[in-house]
Amino acid sequence: MSMLDRIKKRKLAGFKEFVVNLETSAPQARSRIFLAGLLEDPIFMTHAIRNIRHFESIFGLSSKDLNYLLTMQD
């Protein structure tokens, strides 16, 4: 079974979880996961990388958007 199969089966929830795991993993682990995923499905990994957010992206939010992020529940 390939690495991305179980993630793809869960559709959007799996994709979100995968992106969060990429964001929070150590840089060396992130690069290994990315390279393995890129070999398996380059299109999926391109979309995953586009959805990764960095700490700097929070500074560009308006106070209304920041308040929404802080109060949103899963």
PDB file of N, CA and C in Angstrom:
ATOM      1  N   MET A   1       0.851  -1.184   0.000  1.00  0.00           N
ATOM      2  CA  MET A   1       0.000   0.000   0.000  1.00  0.00           C
ATOM      3  C   MET A   1       0.890   1.238   0.000  1.00  0.00           C
ATOM      4  N   SER A   2       0.571   2.166  -0.844  1.00  0.00           N
ATOM      5  CA  SER A   2       1.384   3.373  -0.920  1.00  0.00           C
ATOM      6  C   SER A   2       1.040   4.342   0.216  1.00  0.00           C
ATOM      7  N   MET A   3       1.934   5.264   0.437  1.00  0.00           N
ATOM      8  CA  MET A   3       1.817   6.185   1.561  1.00  0.00           C
ATOM      9  C   MET A   3       0.575   7.077   1.450  1.00  0.00           C
ATOM     10  N   LEU A   4       0.237   7.529   0.264  1.00  0.00           N
ATOM     11  CA  LEU A   4      -0.852   8.487   0.099  1.00  0.00           C
ATOM     12  C   LEU A   4      -2.225   7.852  -0.086  1.00  0.00           C
ATOM     13  N   ASP A   5      -2.294   6.544  -0.260  1.00  0.00           N
ATOM     14  CA  ASP A   5      -3.585   5.894  -0.495  1.00  0.00           C
ATOM     15  C   ASP A   5      -4.564   6.100   0.650  1.00  0.00           C
ATOM     16  N   ARG A   6      -4.124   5.885   1.873  1.00  0.00           N
ATOM     17  CA  ARG A   6      -5.044   6.029   3.010  1.00  0.00           C
ATOM     18  C   ARG A   6      -5.427   7.496   3.216  1.00  0.00           C
ATOM     19  N   ILE A   7      -4.545   8.412   2.857  1.00  0.00           N
ATOM     20  CA  ILE A   7      -4.861   9.838   2.964  1.00  0.00           C
ATOM     21  C   ILE A   7      -5.896  10.222   1.922  1.00  0.00           C
ATOM     22  N   LYS A   8      -5.726   9.726   0.708  1.00  0.00           N
ATOM     23  CA  LYS A   8      -6.655  10.040  -0.370  1.00  0.00           C
ATOM     24  C   LYS A   8      -8.031   9.426  -0.131  1.00  0.00           C
ATOM     25  N   LYS A   9      -8.103   8.288   0.535  1.00  0.00           N
ATOM     26  CA  LYS A   9      -9.389   7.645   0.821  1.00  0.00           C
ATOM     27  C   LYS A   9     -10.236   8.510   1.750  1.00  0.00           C
ATOM     28  N   ARG A  10      -9.580   9.282   2.611  1.00  0.00           N
ATOM     29  CA  ARG A  10     -10.296  10.136   3.558  1.00  0.00           C
ATOM     30  C   ARG A  10     -10.660  11.491   2.961  1.00  0.00           C
ATOM     31  N   LYS A  11     -10.301  11.701   1.703  1.00  0.00           N
ATOM     32  CA  LYS A  11     -10.633  12.889   0.911  1.00  0.00           C
ATOM     33  C   LYS A  11     -10.153  14.166   1.587  1.00  0.00           C
ATOM     34  N   LEU A  12     -11.032  15.139   1.794  1.00  0.00           N
ATOM     35  CA  LEU A  12     -10.628  16.450   2.291  1.00  0.00           C
ATOM     36  C   LEU A  12     -10.068  16.381   3.714  1.00  0.00           C
ATOM     37  N   ALA A  13     -10.659  15.577   4.562  1.00  0.00           N
ATOM     38  CA  ALA A  13     -10.166  15.454   5.941  1.00  0.00           C
ATOM     39  C   ALA A  13      -8.753  14.883   5.957  1.00  0.00           C
ATOM     40  N   GLY A  14      -8.494  13.909   5.121  1.00  0.00           N
ATOM     41  CA  GLY A  14      -7.148  13.342   5.033  1.00  0.00           C
ATOM     42  C   GLY A  14      -6.148  14.332   4.486  1.00  0.00           C
ATOM     43  N   PHE A  15      -6.569  15.104   3.499  1.00  0.00           N
ATOM     44  CA  PHE A  15      -5.689  16.120   2.917  1.00  0.00           C
ATOM     45  C   PHE A  15      -5.325  17.171   3.950  1.00  0.00           C
ATOM     46  N   LYS A  16      -6.325  17.652   4.695  1.00  0.00           N
ATOM     47  CA  LYS A  16      -6.067  18.660   5.725  1.00  0.00           C
ATOM     48  C   LYS A  16      -5.112  18.126   6.785  1.00  0.00           C
ATOM     49  N   GLU A  17      -5.342  16.906   7.229  1.00  0.00           N
ATOM     50  CA  GLU A  17      -4.481  16.305   8.247  1.00  0.00           C
ATOM     51  C   GLU A  17      -3.052  16.150   7.721  1.00  0.00           C
ATOM     52  N   PHE A  18      -2.916  15.745   6.469  1.00  0.00           N
ATOM     53  CA  PHE A  18      -1.601  15.586   5.868  1.00  0.00           C
ATOM     54  C   PHE A  18      -0.850  16.919   5.803  1.00  0.00           C
ATOM     55  N   VAL A  19      -1.549  17.983   5.413  1.00  0.00           N
ATOM     56  CA  VAL A  19      -0.919  19.306   5.333  1.00  0.00           C
ATOM     57  C   VAL A  19      -0.489  19.779   6.725  1.00  0.00           C
ATOM     58  N   VAL A  20      -1.329  19.572   7.711  1.00  0.00           N
ATOM     59  CA  VAL A  20      -0.978  19.960   9.081  1.00  0.00           C
ATOM     60  C   VAL A  20       0.243  19.175   9.556  1.00  0.00           C
ATOM     61  N   ASN A  21       0.294  17.887   9.254  1.00  0.00           N
ATOM     62  CA  ASN A  21       1.447  17.082   9.644  1.00  0.00           C
ATOM     63  C   ASN A  21       2.708  17.561   8.948  1.00  0.00           C
ATOM     64  N   LEU A  22       2.602  17.961   7.701  1.00  0.00           N
ATOM     65  CA  LEU A  22       3.771  18.513   7.005  1.00  0.00           C
ATOM     66  C   LEU A  22       4.216  19.819   7.649  1.00  0.00           C
ATOM     67  N   GLU A  23       3.255  20.656   8.019  1.00  0.00           N
ATOM     68  CA  GLU A  23       3.580  21.948   8.626  1.00  0.00           C
ATOM     69  C   GLU A  23       4.303  21.788   9.955  1.00  0.00           C
ATOM     70  N   THR A  24       3.908  20.801  10.724  1.00  0.00           N
ATOM     71  CA  THR A  24       4.429  20.671  12.081  1.00  0.00           C
ATOM     72  C   THR A  24       5.597  19.701  12.212  1.00  0.00           C
ATOM     73  N   SER A  25       5.959  19.025  11.146  1.00  0.00           N
ATOM     74  CA  SER A  25       7.066  18.072  11.241  1.00  0.00           C
ATOM     75  C   SER A  25       8.414  18.784  11.152  1.00  0.00           C
ATOM     76  N   ALA A  26       9.438  18.095  11.597  1.00  0.00           N
ATOM     77  CA  ALA A  26      10.801  18.638  11.536  1.00  0.00           C
ATOM     78  C   ALA A  26      11.228  18.791  10.074  1.00  0.00           C
ATOM     79  N   PRO A  27      12.085  19.742   9.774  1.00  0.00           N
ATOM     80  CA  PRO A  27      12.481  19.973   8.377  1.00  0.00           C
ATOM     81  C   PRO A  27      13.039  18.737   7.665  1.00  0.00           C
ATOM     82  N   GLN A  28      13.832  17.932   8.347  1.00  0.00           N
ATOM     83  CA  GLN A  28      14.389  16.743   7.702  1.00  0.00           C
ATOM     84  C   GLN A  28      13.295  15.722   7.406  1.00  0.00           C
ATOM     85  N   ALA A  29      12.388  15.524   8.346  1.00  0.00           N
ATOM     86  CA  ALA A  29      11.284  14.594   8.128  1.00  0.00           C
ATOM     87  C   ALA A  29      10.363  15.116   7.030  1.00  0.00           C
ATOM     88  N   ARG A  30      10.140  16.419   7.020  1.00  0.00           N
ATOM     89  CA  ARG A  30       9.285  17.028   5.995  1.00  0.00           C
ATOM     90  C   ARG A  30       9.849  16.795   4.603  1.00  0.00           C
ATOM     91  N   SER A  31      11.147  16.943   4.458  1.00  0.00           N
ATOM     92  CA  SER A  31      11.752  16.740   3.140  1.00  0.00           C
ATOM     93  C   SER A  31      11.660  15.282   2.699  1.00  0.00           C
ATOM     94  N   ARG A  32      11.815  14.336   3.645  1.00  0.00           N
ATOM     95  CA  ARG A  32      11.675  12.918   3.287  1.00  0.00           C
ATOM     96  C   ARG A  32      10.247  12.577   2.888  1.00  0.00           C
ATOM     97  N   ILE A  33       9.283  13.083   3.636  1.00  0.00           N
ATOM     98  CA  ILE A  33       7.874  12.848   3.318  1.00  0.00           C
ATOM     99  C   ILE A  33       7.533  13.465   1.967  1.00  0.00           C
ATOM    100  N   PHE A  34       8.011  14.680   1.756  1.00  0.00           N
ATOM    101  CA  PHE A  34       7.724  15.366   0.491  1.00  0.00           C
ATOM    102  C   PHE A  34       8.306  14.613  -0.698  1.00  0.00           C
ATOM    103  N   LEU A  35       9.542  14.181  -0.596  1.00  0.00           N
ATOM    104  CA  LEU A  35      10.169  13.480  -1.717  1.00  0.00           C
ATOM    105  C   LEU A  35       9.494  12.136  -1.989  1.00  0.00           C
ATOM    106  N   ALA A  36       9.131  11.412  -0.940  1.00  0.00           N
ATOM    107  CA  ALA A  36       8.434  10.143  -1.136  1.00  0.00           C
ATOM    108  C   ALA A  36       7.057  10.374  -1.765  1.00  0.00           C
ATOM    109  N   GLY A  37       6.354  11.390  -1.296  1.00  0.00           N
ATOM    110  CA  GLY A  37       5.044  11.709  -1.853  1.00  0.00           C
ATOM    111  C   GLY A  37       5.133  12.220  -3.276  1.00  0.00           C
ATOM    112  N   LEU A  38       6.184  12.958  -3.572  1.00  0.00           N
ATOM    113  CA  LEU A  38       6.372  13.484  -4.921  1.00  0.00           C
ATOM    114  C   LEU A  38       6.590  12.365  -5.927  1.00  0.00           C
ATOM    115  N   LEU A  39       7.303  11.336  -5.522  1.00  0.00           N
ATOM    116  CA  LEU A  39       7.493  10.189  -6.408  1.00  0.00           C
ATOM    117  C   LEU A  39       6.195   9.427  -6.618  1.00  0.00           C
ATOM    118  N   GLU A  40       5.355   9.407  -5.591  1.00  0.00           N
ATOM    119  CA  GLU A  40       4.101   8.656  -5.668  1.00  0.00           C
ATOM    120  C   GLU A  40       3.015   9.412  -6.443  1.00  0.00           C
ATOM    121  N   ASP A  41       2.820  10.687  -6.113  1.00  0.00           N
ATOM    122  CA  ASP A  41       1.772  11.478  -6.774  1.00  0.00           C
ATOM    123  C   ASP A  41       2.187  12.954  -6.791  1.00  0.00           C
ATOM    124  N   PRO A  42       2.830  13.390  -7.866  1.00  0.00           N
ATOM    125  CA  PRO A  42       3.321  14.772  -7.923  1.00  0.00           C
ATOM    126  C   PRO A  42       2.212  15.825  -7.870  1.00  0.00           C
ATOM    127  N   ILE A  43       1.059  15.542  -8.429  1.00  0.00           N
ATOM    128  CA  ILE A  43      -0.033  16.517  -8.432  1.00  0.00           C
ATOM    129  C   ILE A  43      -0.570  16.724  -7.021  1.00  0.00           C
ATOM    130  N   PHE A  44      -0.774  15.639  -6.286  1.00  0.00           N
ATOM    131  CA  PHE A  44      -1.248  15.732  -4.900  1.00  0.00           C
ATOM    132  C   PHE A  44      -0.255  16.530  -4.055  1.00  0.00           C
ATOM    133  N   MET A  45       1.022  16.239  -4.205  1.00  0.00           N
ATOM    134  CA  MET A  45       2.031  16.928  -3.400  1.00  0.00           C
ATOM    135  C   MET A  45       2.145  18.402  -3.776  1.00  0.00           C
ATOM    136  N   THR A  46       1.923  18.740  -5.031  1.00  0.00           N
ATOM    137  CA  THR A  46       1.938  20.148  -5.441  1.00  0.00           C
ATOM    138  C   THR A  46       0.828  20.905  -4.723  1.00  0.00           C
ATOM    139  N   HIS A  47      -0.347  20.308  -4.649  1.00  0.00           N
ATOM    140  CA  HIS A  47      -1.450  20.952  -3.934  1.00  0.00           C
ATOM    141  C   HIS A  47      -1.181  21.010  -2.432  1.00  0.00           C
ATOM    142  N   ALA A  48      -0.558  19.990  -1.885  1.00  0.00           N
ATOM    143  CA  ALA A  48      -0.241  19.993  -0.451  1.00  0.00           C
ATOM    144  C   ALA A  48       0.747  21.109  -0.120  1.00  0.00           C
ATOM    145  N   ILE A  49       1.771  21.267  -0.933  1.00  0.00           N
ATOM    146  CA  ILE A  49       2.772  22.304  -0.679  1.00  0.00           C
ATOM    147  C   ILE A  49       2.158  23.694  -0.805  1.00  0.00           C
ATOM    148  N   ARG A  50       1.252  23.878  -1.738  1.00  0.00           N
ATOM    149  CA  ARG A  50       0.587  25.183  -1.897  1.00  0.00           C
ATOM    150  C   ARG A  50      -0.262  25.540  -0.688  1.00  0.00           C
ATOM    151  N   ASN A  51      -0.719  24.554   0.065  1.00  0.00           N
ATOM    152  CA  ASN A  51      -1.587  24.799   1.212  1.00  0.00           C
ATOM    153  C   ASN A  51      -0.842  24.921   2.526  1.00  0.00           C
ATOM    154  N   ILE A  52       0.440  24.721   2.536  1.00  0.00           N
ATOM    155  CA  ILE A  52       1.215  24.877   3.768  1.00  0.00           C
ATOM    156  C   ILE A  52       1.313  26.356   4.106  1.00  0.00           C
ATOM    157  N   ARG A  53       1.012  26.680   5.312  1.00  0.00           N
ATOM    158  CA  ARG A  53       1.081  28.062   5.786  1.00  0.00           C
ATOM    159  C   ARG A  53       2.277  28.211   6.713  1.00  0.00           C
ATOM    160  N   HIS A  54       2.852  29.389   6.675  1.00  0.00           N
ATOM    161  CA  HIS A  54       3.981  29.707   7.534  1.00  0.00           C
ATOM    162  C   HIS A  54       3.539  30.738   8.567  1.00  0.00           C
ATOM    163  N   PHE A  55       4.337  30.879   9.576  1.00  0.00           N
ATOM    164  CA  PHE A  55       4.008  31.803  10.658  1.00  0.00           C
ATOM    165  C   PHE A  55       3.857  33.229  10.132  1.00  0.00           C
ATOM    166  N   GLU A  56       4.633  33.589   9.117  1.00  0.00           N
ATOM    167  CA  GLU A  56       4.588  34.942   8.572  1.00  0.00           C
ATOM    168  C   GLU A  56       3.231  35.269   7.955  1.00  0.00           C
ATOM    169  N   SER A  57       2.501  34.261   7.495  1.00  0.00           N
ATOM    170  CA  SER A  57       1.208  34.520   6.852  1.00  0.00           C
ATOM    171  C   SER A  57       0.174  35.037   7.849  1.00  0.00           C
ATOM    172  N   ILE A  58       0.377  34.801   9.133  1.00  0.00           N
ATOM    173  CA  ILE A  58      -0.555  35.289  10.155  1.00  0.00           C
ATOM    174  C   ILE A  58      -0.482  36.810  10.269  1.00  0.00           C
ATOM    175  N   PHE A  59       0.703  37.385  10.040  1.00  0.00           N
ATOM    176  CA  PHE A  59       0.860  38.831  10.183  1.00  0.00           C
ATOM    177  C   PHE A  59       0.061  39.620   9.157  1.00  0.00           C
ATOM    178  N   GLY A  60      -0.273  39.024   8.035  1.00  0.00           N
ATOM    179  CA  GLY A  60      -1.019  39.720   6.996  1.00  0.00           C
ATOM    180  C   GLY A  60      -2.527  39.674   7.176  1.00  0.00           C
ATOM    181  N   LEU A  61      -3.018  38.997   8.196  1.00  0.00           N
ATOM    182  CA  LEU A  61      -4.459  38.873   8.405  1.00  0.00           C
ATOM    183  C   LEU A  61      -5.037  40.117   9.065  1.00  0.00           C
ATOM    184  N   SER A  62      -6.279  40.412   8.715  1.00  0.00           N
ATOM    185  CA  SER A  62      -6.977  41.507   9.396  1.00  0.00           C
ATOM    186  C   SER A  62      -7.376  41.025  10.796  1.00  0.00           C
ATOM    187  N   SER A  63      -7.743  41.944  11.654  1.00  0.00           N
ATOM    188  CA  SER A  63      -8.119  41.553  13.021  1.00  0.00           C
ATOM    189  C   SER A  63      -9.386  40.707  13.014  1.00  0.00           C
ATOM    190  N   LYS A  64     -10.294  40.954  12.064  1.00  0.00           N
ATOM    191  CA  LYS A  64     -11.518  40.152  11.962  1.00  0.00           C
ATOM    192  C   LYS A  64     -11.177  38.705  11.597  1.00  0.00           C
ATOM    193  N   ASP A  65     -10.283  38.517  10.621  1.00  0.00           N
ATOM    194  CA  ASP A  65      -9.880  37.169  10.218  1.00  0.00           C
ATOM    195  C   ASP A  65      -9.106  36.461  11.323  1.00  0.00           C
ATOM    196  N   LEU A  66      -8.258  37.189  12.014  1.00  0.00           N
ATOM    197  CA  LEU A  66      -7.493  36.602  13.113  1.00  0.00           C
ATOM    198  C   LEU A  66      -8.422  36.165  14.239  1.00  0.00           C
ATOM    199  N   ASN A  67      -9.412  36.978  14.544  1.00  0.00           N
ATOM    200  CA  ASN A  67     -10.388  36.609  15.563  1.00  0.00           C
ATOM    201  C   ASN A  67     -11.161  35.362  15.148  1.00  0.00           C
ATOM    202  N   TYR A  68     -11.514  35.252  13.868  1.00  0.00           N
ATOM    203  CA  TYR A  68     -12.210  34.067  13.363  1.00  0.00           C
ATOM    204  C   TYR A  68     -11.354  32.818  13.546  1.00  0.00           C
ATOM    205  N   LEU A  69     -10.079  32.917  13.227  1.00  0.00           N
ATOM    206  CA  LEU A  69      -9.179  31.766  13.378  1.00  0.00           C
ATOM    207  C   LEU A  69      -9.049  31.337  14.826  1.00  0.00           C
ATOM    208  N   LEU A  70      -8.987  32.298  15.716  1.00  0.00           N
ATOM    209  CA  LEU A  70      -8.807  31.992  17.125  1.00  0.00           C
ATOM    210  C   LEU A  70     -10.061  31.388  17.748  1.00  0.00           C
ATOM    211  N   THR A  71     -11.231  31.694  17.210  1.00  0.00           N
ATOM    212  CA  THR A  71     -12.472  31.219  17.819  1.00  0.00           C
ATOM    213  C   THR A  71     -13.100  30.044  17.069  1.00  0.00           C
ATOM    214  N   MET A  72     -12.546  29.658  15.932  1.00  0.00           N
ATOM    215  CA  MET A  72     -13.184  28.569  15.170  1.00  0.00           C
ATOM    216  C   MET A  72     -12.947  27.223  15.850  1.00  0.00           C
ATOM    217  N   GLN A  73     -13.938  26.385  15.749  1.00  0.00           N
ATOM    218  CA  GLN A  73     -13.907  25.064  16.357  1.00  0.00           C
ATOM    219  C   GLN A  73     -13.968  24.027  15.255  1.00  0.00           C
ATOM    220  N   ASP A  74     -13.362  22.876  15.461  1.00  0.00           N
ATOM    221  CA  ASP A  74     -13.388  21.823  14.445  1.00  0.00           C
ATOM    222  C   ASP A  74     -14.667  21.042  14.490  1.00  0.00           C
TER     223      ASP A  74
END
